[in-house]
Amino acid sequence: MDLRLIIEEIASEADDFLAGATSREQARAGIAELLNADYFHLAPADGQKVIEGVMAILDYEDFFGTEFAGGSFDEETEA
């Protein structure tokens, strides 16, 4: 089974089913829940690979908005 297709499908739907998720832990739980509902036939090891793959895509796409963490605009307000 090619897990890449499942990973890409889940990642493309992340905006819908992870709406309101504010942390990586919530996202992992949401992905696991989706896997249990829609891909229950996957072996646990494959499910973990899918979760890791989706999380990697979400991180790459900056789904969690980490690029602005740490007061990136503090210098603008001080000037």
PDB file of N, CA and C in Angstrom:
ATOM      1  N   MET A   1       0.831  -1.180   0.000  1.00  0.00           N
ATOM      2  CA  MET A   1       0.000   0.000   0.000  1.00  0.00           C
ATOM      3  C   MET A   1       0.881   1.250   0.000  1.00  0.00           C
ATOM      4  N   ASP A   2       0.502   2.197  -0.829  1.00  0.00           N
ATOM      5  CA  ASP A   2       1.256   3.447  -0.923  1.00  0.00           C
ATOM      6  C   ASP A   2       0.683   4.467   0.058  1.00  0.00           C
ATOM      7  N   LEU A   3       1.384   4.675   1.137  1.00  0.00           N
ATOM      8  CA  LEU A   3       0.915   5.588   2.176  1.00  0.00           C
ATOM      9  C   LEU A   3       0.993   7.045   1.748  1.00  0.00           C
ATOM     10  N   ARG A   4       1.804   7.330   0.736  1.00  0.00           N
ATOM     11  CA  ARG A   4       1.953   8.722   0.291  1.00  0.00           C
ATOM     12  C   ARG A   4       0.622   9.324  -0.158  1.00  0.00           C
ATOM     13  N   LEU A   5      -0.206   8.516  -0.812  1.00  0.00           N
ATOM     14  CA  LEU A   5      -1.499   9.022  -1.267  1.00  0.00           C
ATOM     15  C   LEU A   5      -2.397   9.381  -0.081  1.00  0.00           C
ATOM     16  N   ILE A   6      -2.380   8.541   0.935  1.00  0.00           N
ATOM     17  CA  ILE A   6      -3.169   8.808   2.140  1.00  0.00           C
ATOM     18  C   ILE A   6      -2.636  10.056   2.843  1.00  0.00           C
ATOM     19  N   ILE A   7      -1.326  10.155   2.950  1.00  0.00           N
ATOM     20  CA  ILE A   7      -0.699  11.314   3.602  1.00  0.00           C
ATOM     21  C   ILE A   7      -1.082  12.601   2.877  1.00  0.00           C
ATOM     22  N   GLU A   8      -0.981  12.595   1.559  1.00  0.00           N
ATOM     23  CA  GLU A   8      -1.303  13.790   0.783  1.00  0.00           C
ATOM     24  C   GLU A   8      -2.779  14.146   0.884  1.00  0.00           C
ATOM     25  N   GLU A   9      -3.645  13.136   0.870  1.00  0.00           N
ATOM     26  CA  GLU A   9      -5.080  13.395   0.982  1.00  0.00           C
ATOM     27  C   GLU A   9      -5.427  14.016   2.335  1.00  0.00           C
ATOM     28  N   ILE A  10      -4.894  13.445   3.398  1.00  0.00           N
ATOM     29  CA  ILE A  10      -5.175  13.966   4.737  1.00  0.00           C
ATOM     30  C   ILE A  10      -4.605  15.375   4.891  1.00  0.00           C
ATOM     31  N   ALA A  11      -3.393  15.593   4.430  1.00  0.00           N
ATOM     32  CA  ALA A  11      -2.781  16.921   4.541  1.00  0.00           C
ATOM     33  C   ALA A  11      -3.581  17.959   3.765  1.00  0.00           C
ATOM     34  N   SER A  12      -4.137  17.571   2.624  1.00  0.00           N
ATOM     35  CA  SER A  12      -4.913  18.529   1.825  1.00  0.00           C
ATOM     36  C   SER A  12      -6.226  18.890   2.495  1.00  0.00           C
ATOM     37  N   GLU A  13      -6.723  18.048   3.391  1.00  0.00           N
ATOM     38  CA  GLU A  13      -7.978  18.298   4.097  1.00  0.00           C
ATOM     39  C   GLU A  13      -7.756  18.891   5.495  1.00  0.00           C
ATOM     40  N   ALA A  14      -6.519  19.147   5.853  1.00  0.00           N
ATOM     41  CA  ALA A  14      -6.186  19.572   7.222  1.00  0.00           C
ATOM     42  C   ALA A  14      -6.897  20.855   7.634  1.00  0.00           C
ATOM     43  N   ASP A  15      -7.060  21.790   6.727  1.00  0.00           N
ATOM     44  CA  ASP A  15      -7.736  23.043   7.071  1.00  0.00           C
ATOM     45  C   ASP A  15      -9.151  22.786   7.588  1.00  0.00           C
ATOM     46  N   ASP A  16      -9.801  21.767   7.053  1.00  0.00           N
ATOM     47  CA  ASP A  16     -11.176  21.461   7.456  1.00  0.00           C
ATOM     48  C   ASP A  16     -11.236  20.737   8.789  1.00  0.00           C
ATOM     49  N   PHE A  17     -10.553  19.599   8.882  1.00  0.00           N
ATOM     50  CA  PHE A  17     -10.721  18.786  10.080  1.00  0.00           C
ATOM     51  C   PHE A  17      -9.827  19.197  11.243  1.00  0.00           C
ATOM     52  N   LEU A  18      -8.877  20.082  11.011  1.00  0.00           N
ATOM     53  CA  LEU A  18      -8.052  20.594  12.114  1.00  0.00           C
ATOM     54  C   LEU A  18      -8.351  22.053  12.430  1.00  0.00           C
ATOM     55  N   ALA A  19      -9.461  22.547  11.934  1.00  0.00           N
ATOM     56  CA  ALA A  19      -9.853  23.926  12.244  1.00  0.00           C
ATOM     57  C   ALA A  19      -9.972  24.069  13.760  1.00  0.00           C
ATOM     58  N   GLY A  20      -9.302  25.036  14.297  1.00  0.00           N
ATOM     59  CA  GLY A  20      -9.331  25.267  15.730  1.00  0.00           C
ATOM     60  C   GLY A  20      -8.213  24.594  16.501  1.00  0.00           C
ATOM     61  N   ALA A  21      -7.468  23.716  15.860  1.00  0.00           N
ATOM     62  CA  ALA A  21      -6.330  23.080  16.534  1.00  0.00           C
ATOM     63  C   ALA A  21      -5.260  24.138  16.769  1.00  0.00           C
ATOM     64  N   THR A  22      -4.788  24.220  18.008  1.00  0.00           N
ATOM     65  CA  THR A  22      -3.816  25.260  18.339  1.00  0.00           C
ATOM     66  C   THR A  22      -2.433  24.710  18.666  1.00  0.00           C
ATOM     67  N   SER A  23      -2.296  23.393  18.652  1.00  0.00           N
ATOM     68  CA  SER A  23      -0.996  22.816  18.977  1.00  0.00           C
ATOM     69  C   SER A  23      -0.744  21.576  18.124  1.00  0.00           C
ATOM     70  N   ARG A  24       0.500  21.201  18.104  1.00  0.00           N
ATOM     71  CA  ARG A  24       0.880  19.998  17.365  1.00  0.00           C
ATOM     72  C   ARG A  24       0.232  18.762  17.983  1.00  0.00           C
ATOM     73  N   GLU A  25       0.071  18.742  19.298  1.00  0.00           N
ATOM     74  CA  GLU A  25      -0.543  17.596  19.973  1.00  0.00           C
ATOM     75  C   GLU A  25      -1.996  17.447  19.563  1.00  0.00           C
ATOM     76  N   GLN A  26      -2.713  18.566  19.462  1.00  0.00           N
ATOM     77  CA  GLN A  26      -4.099  18.513  19.007  1.00  0.00           C
ATOM     78  C   GLN A  26      -4.176  18.047  17.562  1.00  0.00           C
ATOM     79  N   ALA A  27      -3.239  18.484  16.750  1.00  0.00           N
ATOM     80  CA  ALA A  27      -3.222  18.057  15.348  1.00  0.00           C
ATOM     81  C   ALA A  27      -2.965  16.555  15.249  1.00  0.00           C
ATOM     82  N   ARG A  28      -2.008  16.060  16.009  1.00  0.00           N
ATOM     83  CA  ARG A  28      -1.736  14.614  16.010  1.00  0.00           C
ATOM     84  C   ARG A  28      -2.975  13.830  16.426  1.00  0.00           C
ATOM     85  N   ALA A  29      -3.662  14.303  17.446  1.00  0.00           N
ATOM     86  CA  ALA A  29      -4.866  13.625  17.914  1.00  0.00           C
ATOM     87  C   ALA A  29      -5.957  13.661  16.835  1.00  0.00           C
ATOM     88  N   GLY A  30      -6.090  14.784  16.155  1.00  0.00           N
ATOM     89  CA  GLY A  30      -7.076  14.903  15.085  1.00  0.00           C
ATOM     90  C   GLY A  30      -6.777  13.980  13.917  1.00  0.00           C
ATOM     91  N   ILE A  31      -5.508  13.885  13.572  1.00  0.00           N
ATOM     92  CA  ILE A  31      -5.110  12.990  12.484  1.00  0.00           C
ATOM     93  C   ILE A  31      -5.355  11.541  12.880  1.00  0.00           C
ATOM     94  N   ALA A  32      -5.013  11.198  14.112  1.00  0.00           N
ATOM     95  CA  ALA A  32      -5.233   9.826  14.597  1.00  0.00           C
ATOM     96  C   ALA A  32      -6.721   9.485  14.586  1.00  0.00           C
ATOM     97  N   GLU A  33      -7.550  10.437  14.982  1.00  0.00           N
ATOM     98  CA  GLU A  33      -9.002  10.228  14.980  1.00  0.00           C
ATOM     99  C   GLU A  33      -9.512   9.985  13.558  1.00  0.00           C
ATOM    100  N   LEU A  34      -9.024  10.789  12.621  1.00  0.00           N
ATOM    101  CA  LEU A  34      -9.418  10.613  11.217  1.00  0.00           C
ATOM    102  C   LEU A  34      -8.972   9.248  10.703  1.00  0.00           C
ATOM    103  N   LEU A  35      -7.765   8.841  11.058  1.00  0.00           N
ATOM    104  CA  LEU A  35      -7.279   7.527  10.635  1.00  0.00           C
ATOM    105  C   LEU A  35      -8.157   6.418  11.186  1.00  0.00           C
ATOM    106  N   ASN A  36      -8.534   6.533  12.451  1.00  0.00           N
ATOM    107  CA  ASN A  36      -9.381   5.505  13.058  1.00  0.00           C
ATOM    108  C   ASN A  36     -10.747   5.423  12.385  1.00  0.00           C
ATOM    109  N   ALA A  37     -11.261   6.549  11.933  1.00  0.00           N
ATOM    110  CA  ALA A  37     -12.579   6.571  11.314  1.00  0.00           C
ATOM    111  C   ALA A  37     -12.540   6.154   9.844  1.00  0.00           C
ATOM    112  N   ASP A  38     -11.584   6.692   9.092  1.00  0.00           N
ATOM    113  CA  ASP A  38     -11.584   6.500   7.640  1.00  0.00           C
ATOM    114  C   ASP A  38     -10.591   5.461   7.133  1.00  0.00           C
ATOM    115  N   TYR A  39      -9.561   5.191   7.895  1.00  0.00           N
ATOM    116  CA  TYR A  39      -8.504   4.272   7.451  1.00  0.00           C
ATOM    117  C   TYR A  39      -8.241   3.221   8.516  1.00  0.00           C
ATOM    118  N   PHE A  40      -9.299   2.698   9.089  1.00  0.00           N
ATOM    119  CA  PHE A  40      -9.194   1.733  10.194  1.00  0.00           C
ATOM    120  C   PHE A  40      -8.477   0.457   9.798  1.00  0.00           C
ATOM    121  N   HIS A  41      -8.371   0.196   8.501  1.00  0.00           N
ATOM    122  CA  HIS A  41      -7.709  -1.016   8.021  1.00  0.00           C
ATOM    123  C   HIS A  41      -6.180  -0.929   8.088  1.00  0.00           C
ATOM    124  N   LEU A  42      -5.640   0.260   8.345  1.00  0.00           N
ATOM    125  CA  LEU A  42      -4.178   0.415   8.404  1.00  0.00           C
ATOM    126  C   LEU A  42      -3.613  -0.240   9.661  1.00  0.00           C
ATOM    127  N   ALA A  43      -2.470  -0.848   9.501  1.00  0.00           N
ATOM    128  CA  ALA A  43      -1.750  -1.383  10.656  1.00  0.00           C
ATOM    129  C   ALA A  43      -1.276  -0.206  11.510  1.00  0.00           C
ATOM    130  N   PRO A  44      -1.139  -0.403  12.821  1.00  0.00           N
ATOM    131  CA  PRO A  44      -0.690   0.700  13.695  1.00  0.00           C
ATOM    132  C   PRO A  44       0.617   1.347  13.232  1.00  0.00           C
ATOM    133  N   ALA A  45       1.562   0.559  12.753  1.00  0.00           N
ATOM    134  CA  ALA A  45       2.832   1.122  12.282  1.00  0.00           C
ATOM    135  C   ALA A  45       2.616   2.017  11.058  1.00  0.00           C
ATOM    136  N   ASP A  46       1.730   1.599  10.167  1.00  0.00           N
ATOM    137  CA  ASP A  46       1.425   2.418   8.994  1.00  0.00           C
ATOM    138  C   ASP A  46       0.692   3.690   9.400  1.00  0.00           C
ATOM    139  N   GLY A  47      -0.197   3.584  10.374  1.00  0.00           N
ATOM    140  CA  GLY A  47      -0.893   4.760  10.868  1.00  0.00           C
ATOM    141  C   GLY A  47       0.074   5.780  11.441  1.00  0.00           C
ATOM    142  N   GLN A  48       1.074   5.293  12.156  1.00  0.00           N
ATOM    143  CA  GLN A  48       2.086   6.201  12.722  1.00  0.00           C
ATOM    144  C   GLN A  48       2.890   6.873  11.617  1.00  0.00           C
ATOM    145  N   LYS A  49       3.193   6.134  10.562  1.00  0.00           N
ATOM    146  CA  LYS A  49       3.913   6.720   9.421  1.00  0.00           C
ATOM    147  C   LYS A  49       3.073   7.803   8.759  1.00  0.00           C
ATOM    148  N   VAL A  50       1.773   7.559   8.650  1.00  0.00           N
ATOM    149  CA  VAL A  50       0.884   8.555   8.057  1.00  0.00           C
ATOM    150  C   VAL A  50       0.851   9.809   8.927  1.00  0.00           C
ATOM    151  N   ILE A  51       0.712   9.639  10.226  1.00  0.00           N
ATOM    152  CA  ILE A  51       0.693  10.791  11.132  1.00  0.00           C
ATOM    153  C   ILE A  51       1.976  11.596  10.987  1.00  0.00           C
ATOM    154  N   GLU A  52       3.111  10.926  10.989  1.00  0.00           N
ATOM    155  CA  GLU A  52       4.397  11.628  10.851  1.00  0.00           C
ATOM    156  C   GLU A  52       4.496  12.333   9.505  1.00  0.00           C
ATOM    157  N   GLY A  53       4.029  11.685   8.448  1.00  0.00           N
ATOM    158  CA  GLY A  53       4.073  12.282   7.115  1.00  0.00           C
ATOM    159  C   GLY A  53       3.198  13.516   7.010  1.00  0.00           C
ATOM    160  N   VAL A  54       1.983  13.430   7.562  1.00  0.00           N
ATOM    161  CA  VAL A  54       1.080  14.583   7.535  1.00  0.00           C
ATOM    162  C   VAL A  54       1.664  15.725   8.362  1.00  0.00           C
ATOM    163  N   MET A  55       2.194  15.412   9.528  1.00  0.00           N
ATOM    164  CA  MET A  55       2.786  16.449  10.372  1.00  0.00           C
ATOM    165  C   MET A  55       3.960  17.122   9.664  1.00  0.00           C
ATOM    166  N   ALA A  56       4.749  16.366   8.939  1.00  0.00           N
ATOM    167  CA  ALA A  56       5.876  16.943   8.200  1.00  0.00           C
ATOM    168  C   ALA A  56       5.377  17.931   7.149  1.00  0.00           C
ATOM    169  N   ILE A  57       4.311  17.569   6.455  1.00  0.00           N
ATOM    170  CA  ILE A  57       3.743  18.475   5.452  1.00  0.00           C
ATOM    171  C   ILE A  57       3.188  19.721   6.126  1.00  0.00           C
ATOM    172  N   LEU A  58       2.463  19.543   7.224  1.00  0.00           N
ATOM    173  CA  LEU A  58       1.897  20.694   7.926  1.00  0.00           C
ATOM    174  C   LEU A  58       2.995  21.617   8.443  1.00  0.00           C
ATOM    175  N   ASP A  59       4.074  21.050   8.932  1.00  0.00           N
ATOM    176  CA  ASP A  59       5.204  21.869   9.378  1.00  0.00           C
ATOM    177  C   ASP A  59       5.812  22.623   8.207  1.00  0.00           C
ATOM    178  N   TYR A  60       5.987  21.948   7.086  1.00  0.00           N
ATOM    179  CA  TYR A  60       6.563  22.573   5.896  1.00  0.00           C
ATOM    180  C   TYR A  60       5.684  23.729   5.410  1.00  0.00           C
ATOM    181  N   GLU A  61       4.365  23.530   5.487  1.00  0.00           N
ATOM    182  CA  GLU A  61       3.428  24.558   5.036  1.00  0.00           C
ATOM    183  C   GLU A  61       3.150  25.610   6.115  1.00  0.00           C
ATOM    184  N   ASP A  62       3.837  25.510   7.238  1.00  0.00           N
ATOM    185  CA  ASP A  62       3.696  26.438   8.356  1.00  0.00           C
ATOM    186  C   ASP A  62       2.248  26.518   8.840  1.00  0.00           C
ATOM    187  N   PHE A  63       1.623  25.354   8.929  1.00  0.00           N
ATOM    188  CA  PHE A  63       0.230  25.252   9.362  1.00  0.00           C
ATOM    189  C   PHE A  63       0.024  25.831  10.761  1.00  0.00           C
ATOM    190  N   PHE A  64       1.030  25.700  11.604  1.00  0.00           N
ATOM    191  CA  PHE A  64       0.905  26.130  12.990  1.00  0.00           C
ATOM    192  C   PHE A  64       1.363  27.570  13.202  1.00  0.00           C
ATOM    193  N   GLY A  65       1.761  28.257  12.134  1.00  0.00           N
ATOM    194  CA  GLY A  65       2.102  29.666  12.219  1.00  0.00           C
ATOM    195  C   GLY A  65       3.319  29.979  13.058  1.00  0.00           C
ATOM    196  N   THR A  66       4.308  29.124  13.061  1.00  0.00           N
ATOM    197  CA  THR A  66       5.476  29.332  13.908  1.00  0.00           C
ATOM    198  C   THR A  66       6.394  30.427  13.404  1.00  0.00           C
ATOM    199  N   GLU A  67       6.216  30.881  12.170  1.00  0.00           N
ATOM    200  CA  GLU A  67       7.133  31.894  11.657  1.00  0.00           C
ATOM    201  C   GLU A  67       6.991  33.225  12.386  1.00  0.00           C
ATOM    202  N   PHE A  68       5.871  33.461  13.066  1.00  0.00           N
ATOM    203  CA  PHE A  68       5.673  34.715  13.769  1.00  0.00           C
ATOM    204  C   PHE A  68       5.805  34.564  15.283  1.00  0.00           C
ATOM    205  N   ALA A  69       6.222  33.429  15.741  1.00  0.00           N
ATOM    206  CA  ALA A  69       6.353  33.202  17.187  1.00  0.00           C
ATOM    207  C   ALA A  69       7.537  33.981  17.738  1.00  0.00           C
ATOM    208  N   GLY A  70       7.432  34.361  18.979  1.00  0.00           N
ATOM    209  CA  GLY A  70       8.561  35.005  19.640  1.00  0.00           C
ATOM    210  C   GLY A  70       8.596  36.508  19.501  1.00  0.00           C
ATOM    211  N   GLY A  71       7.482  37.158  19.189  1.00  0.00           N
ATOM    212  CA  GLY A  71       7.453  38.616  19.126  1.00  0.00           C
ATOM    213  C   GLY A  71       8.204  39.167  17.944  1.00  0.00           C
ATOM    214  N   SER A  72       7.981  38.631  16.776  1.00  0.00           N
ATOM    215  CA  SER A  72       8.707  39.053  15.581  1.00  0.00           C
ATOM    216  C   SER A  72       8.513  40.523  15.257  1.00  0.00           C
ATOM    217  N   PHE A  73       7.409  41.104  15.706  1.00  0.00           N
ATOM    218  CA  PHE A  73       7.125  42.486  15.344  1.00  0.00           C
ATOM    219  C   PHE A  73       7.493  43.467  16.449  1.00  0.00           C
ATOM    220  N   ASP A  74       8.155  43.005  17.482  1.00  0.00           N
ATOM    221  CA  ASP A  74       8.530  43.884  18.603  1.00  0.00           C
ATOM    222  C   ASP A  74       9.381  45.055  18.142  1.00  0.00           C
ATOM    223  N   GLU A  75      10.270  44.836  17.209  1.00  0.00           N
ATOM    224  CA  GLU A  75      11.154  45.909  16.747  1.00  0.00           C
ATOM    225  C   GLU A  75      10.357  47.023  16.067  1.00  0.00           C
ATOM    226  N   GLU A  76       9.280  46.655  15.358  1.00  0.00           N
ATOM    227  CA  GLU A  76       8.476  47.660  14.672  1.00  0.00           C
ATOM    228  C   GLU A  76       7.795  48.587  15.655  1.00  0.00           C
ATOM    229  N   THR A  77       7.305  48.060  16.767  1.00  0.00           N
ATOM    230  CA  THR A  77       6.592  48.898  17.729  1.00  0.00           C
ATOM    231  C   THR A  77       7.540  49.771  18.518  1.00  0.00           C
ATOM    232  N   GLU A  78       8.800  49.357  18.662  1.00  0.00           N
ATOM    233  CA  GLU A  78       9.776  50.139  19.406  1.00  0.00           C
ATOM    234  C   GLU A  78      10.303  51.313  18.594  1.00  0.00           C
ATOM    235  N   ALA A  79      10.280  51.215  17.271  1.00  0.00           N
ATOM    236  CA  ALA A  79      10.864  52.235  16.410  1.00  0.00           C
ATOM    237  C   ALA A  79      10.110  53.509  16.348  1.00  0.00           C
TER     238      ALA A  79
END
